[in-house]
C-alpha atoms as a PDB file:
ATOM      1  CA  MET A   1     -15.085  20.375   5.160  1.00  0.00           C
ATOM      2  CA  LYS A   2     -13.653  17.061   3.954  1.00  0.00           C
ATOM      3  CA  SER A   3      -9.982  16.373   4.687  1.00  0.00           C
ATOM      4  CA  ILE A   4      -7.663  16.101   1.680  1.00  0.00           C
ATOM      5  CA  VAL A   5      -5.593  13.521   3.577  1.00  0.00           C
ATOM      6  CA  PRO A   6      -7.368  10.178   3.242  1.00  0.00           C
ATOM      7  CA  SER A   7      -7.984   8.017   6.274  1.00  0.00           C
ATOM      8  CA  LEU A   8      -6.254   4.665   6.015  1.00  0.00           C
ATOM      9  CA  ASP A   9      -7.594   2.666   8.926  1.00  0.00           C
ATOM     10  CA  HIS A  10      -8.278  -0.356   6.670  1.00  0.00           C
ATOM     11  CA  PRO A  11      -6.229   0.142   3.477  1.00  0.00           C
ATOM     12  CA  GLN A  12      -7.097  -1.803   0.359  1.00  0.00           C
ATOM     13  CA  LEU A  13      -5.719  -1.615  -3.173  1.00  0.00           C
ATOM     14  CA  SER A  14      -8.292   0.107  -5.362  1.00  0.00           C
ATOM     15  CA  ARG A  15     -10.120  -1.849  -8.053  1.00  0.00           C
ATOM     16  CA  HIS A  16      -8.303  -0.255 -10.979  1.00  0.00           C
ATOM     17  CA  ALA A  17      -4.800  -0.890  -9.560  1.00  0.00           C
ATOM     18  CA  ARG A  18      -3.038  -4.210  -9.270  1.00  0.00           C
ATOM     19  CA  TYR A  19       0.281  -5.587  -8.150  1.00  0.00           C
ATOM     20  CA  ARG A  20       2.320  -7.713 -10.522  1.00  0.00           C
ATOM     21  CA  TRP A  21       5.778  -9.235 -10.803  1.00  0.00           C
ATOM     22  CA  ASP A  22       7.324  -8.461 -14.202  1.00  0.00           C
ATOM     23  CA  SER A  23       9.551 -11.459 -14.854  1.00  0.00           C
ATOM     24  CA  ILE A  24      11.126  -9.913 -17.963  1.00  0.00           C
ATOM     25  CA  ARG A  25      12.276  -6.784 -16.134  1.00  0.00           C
ATOM     26  CA  GLN A  26      12.673  -8.600 -12.797  1.00  0.00           C
ATOM     27  CA  GLN A  27      10.720  -5.957 -10.887  1.00  0.00           C
ATOM     28  CA  HIS A  28       7.654  -5.552  -8.689  1.00  0.00           C
ATOM     29  CA  GLN A  29       5.093  -3.177 -10.183  1.00  0.00           C
ATOM     30  CA  LEU A  30       1.866  -1.454  -9.295  1.00  0.00           C
ATOM     31  CA  VAL A  31      -0.085  -1.197 -12.548  1.00  0.00           C
ATOM     32  CA  PHE A  32      -2.970   1.227 -13.082  1.00  0.00           C
ATOM     33  CA  PRO A  33      -4.683   2.798 -16.125  1.00  0.00           C
ATOM     34  CA  GLU A  34      -2.460   5.893 -16.182  1.00  0.00           C
ATOM     35  CA  GLY A  35       0.830   3.986 -15.843  1.00  0.00           C
ATOM     36  CA  LEU A  36       2.865   1.972 -13.396  1.00  0.00           C
ATOM     37  CA  LEU A  37       5.060   2.346 -10.364  1.00  0.00           C
ATOM     38  CA  ILE A  38       8.148   0.235  -9.815  1.00  0.00           C
ATOM     39  CA  LEU A  39       8.202  -0.976  -6.227  1.00  0.00           C
ATOM     40  CA  ASN A  40      11.045  -1.798  -3.891  1.00  0.00           C
ATOM     41  CA  GLU A  41      10.869  -4.705  -1.441  1.00  0.00           C
ATOM     42  CA  THR A  42       9.203  -2.690   1.316  1.00  0.00           C
ATOM     43  CA  GLY A  43       6.637  -1.100  -1.016  1.00  0.00           C
ATOM     44  CA  THR A  44       5.791  -4.544  -2.366  1.00  0.00           C
ATOM     45  CA  ALA A  45       5.324  -5.945   1.141  1.00  0.00           C
ATOM     46  CA  ILE A  46       3.062  -3.033   2.092  1.00  0.00           C
ATOM     47  CA  LEU A  47       0.859  -3.413  -0.996  1.00  0.00           C
ATOM     48  CA  LYS A  48       0.515  -7.166  -0.525  1.00  0.00           C
ATOM     49  CA  LEU A  49      -0.919  -6.435   2.935  1.00  0.00           C
ATOM     50  CA  CYS A  50      -3.459  -3.869   1.662  1.00  0.00           C
ATOM     51  CA  ASP A  51      -6.382  -6.259   1.841  1.00  0.00           C
ATOM     52  CA  GLY A  52      -8.650  -4.318   4.188  1.00  0.00           C
ATOM     53  CA  ARG A  53      -7.002  -5.478   7.416  1.00  0.00           C
ATOM     54  CA  PRO A  54      -6.633  -2.838  10.147  1.00  0.00           C
ATOM     55  CA  PHE A  55      -3.580  -0.605   9.742  1.00  0.00           C
ATOM     56  CA  ASP A  56      -2.199  -1.768  13.107  1.00  0.00           C
ATOM     57  CA  GLN A  57      -2.207  -5.394  11.905  1.00  0.00           C
ATOM     58  CA  LEU A  58      -0.586  -4.386   8.625  1.00  0.00           C
ATOM     59  CA  LEU A  59       2.172  -2.559  10.502  1.00  0.00           C
ATOM     60  CA  LEU A  60       2.686  -5.471  12.904  1.00  0.00           C
ATOM     61  CA  GLU A  61       3.093  -7.880   9.984  1.00  0.00           C
ATOM     62  CA  LEU A  62       5.610  -5.551   8.319  1.00  0.00           C
ATOM     63  CA  GLN A  63       7.569  -5.329  11.574  1.00  0.00           C
ATOM     64  CA  LYS A  64       7.734  -9.139  11.661  1.00  0.00           C
ATOM     65  CA  GLN A  65       8.852  -9.374   8.024  1.00  0.00           C
ATOM     66  CA  PHE A  66      11.538  -6.712   8.351  1.00  0.00           C
ATOM     67  CA  GLN A  67      12.709  -7.353  11.949  1.00  0.00           C
ATOM     68  CA  ASN A  68      11.296  -4.057  13.292  1.00  0.00           C
ATOM     69  CA  SER A  69      13.180  -1.933  10.743  1.00  0.00           C
ATOM     70  CA  VAL A  70      10.043  -0.428   9.179  1.00  0.00           C
ATOM     71  CA  CYS A  71       9.153   3.107  10.268  1.00  0.00           C
ATOM     72  CA  GLU A  72       5.431   3.609  10.909  1.00  0.00           C
ATOM     73  CA  GLN A  73       5.491   7.172   9.582  1.00  0.00           C
ATOM     74  CA  GLU A  74       7.106   6.050   6.316  1.00  0.00           C
ATOM     75  CA  VAL A  75       4.369   3.425   5.839  1.00  0.00           C
ATOM     76  CA  ILE A  76       1.707   6.058   6.482  1.00  0.00           C
ATOM     77  CA  THR A  77       3.357   8.470   4.029  1.00  0.00           C
ATOM     78  CA  PHE A  78       3.633   5.749   1.357  1.00  0.00           C
ATOM     79  CA  LEU A  79      -0.027   4.732   1.735  1.00  0.00           C
ATOM     80  CA  ARG A  80      -1.280   8.328   1.803  1.00  0.00           C
ATOM     81  CA  THR A  81       0.679   9.126  -1.354  1.00  0.00           C
ATOM     82  CA  LEU A  82      -0.945   6.165  -3.101  1.00  0.00           C
ATOM     83  CA  ALA A  83      -4.347   7.122  -1.686  1.00  0.00           C
ATOM     84  CA  THR A  84      -4.127  10.673  -3.039  1.00  0.00           C
ATOM     85  CA  LYS A  85      -3.487   9.120  -6.475  1.00  0.00           C
ATOM     86  CA  GLY A  86      -6.556   6.889  -6.031  1.00  0.00           C
ATOM     87  CA  LEU A  87      -4.510   3.667  -5.881  1.00  0.00           C
ATOM     88  CA  VAL A  88      -5.333   2.733  -2.272  1.00  0.00           C
ATOM     89  CA  ASN A  89      -8.645   3.298  -0.453  1.00  0.00           C
ATOM     90  CA  ASP A  90      -9.878   2.927   3.064  1.00  0.00           C
ATOM     91  CA  ILE A  91     -12.652   0.412   3.442  1.00  0.00           C
ATOM     92  CA  PRO A  92     -15.108   0.247   6.332  1.00  0.00           C
ATOM     93  CA  PRO A  93     -14.361  -2.488   8.867  1.00  0.00           C
ATOM     94  CA  SER A  94     -16.354  -5.682   8.336  1.00  0.00           C
END
């Protein structure tokens, strides 16, 4: 039986979703066919690192950017939420 919780060992933004900075509204956004999500600073940093790198490297980079104030479980929850909506996928390691 396939798990309903996606694996996110190498997270990558899915093809139909994209990050953008909306200069009129002065906000970070994740845009996809069904709508958009407004992102905070941490969410933006996480998405910018979703390029297929290993999760451990992504987390390490976030810890550097935010002086160790990022909680690993919150990053996992954020990515899994996006993955269940089809906005982030796990890619096989290269």
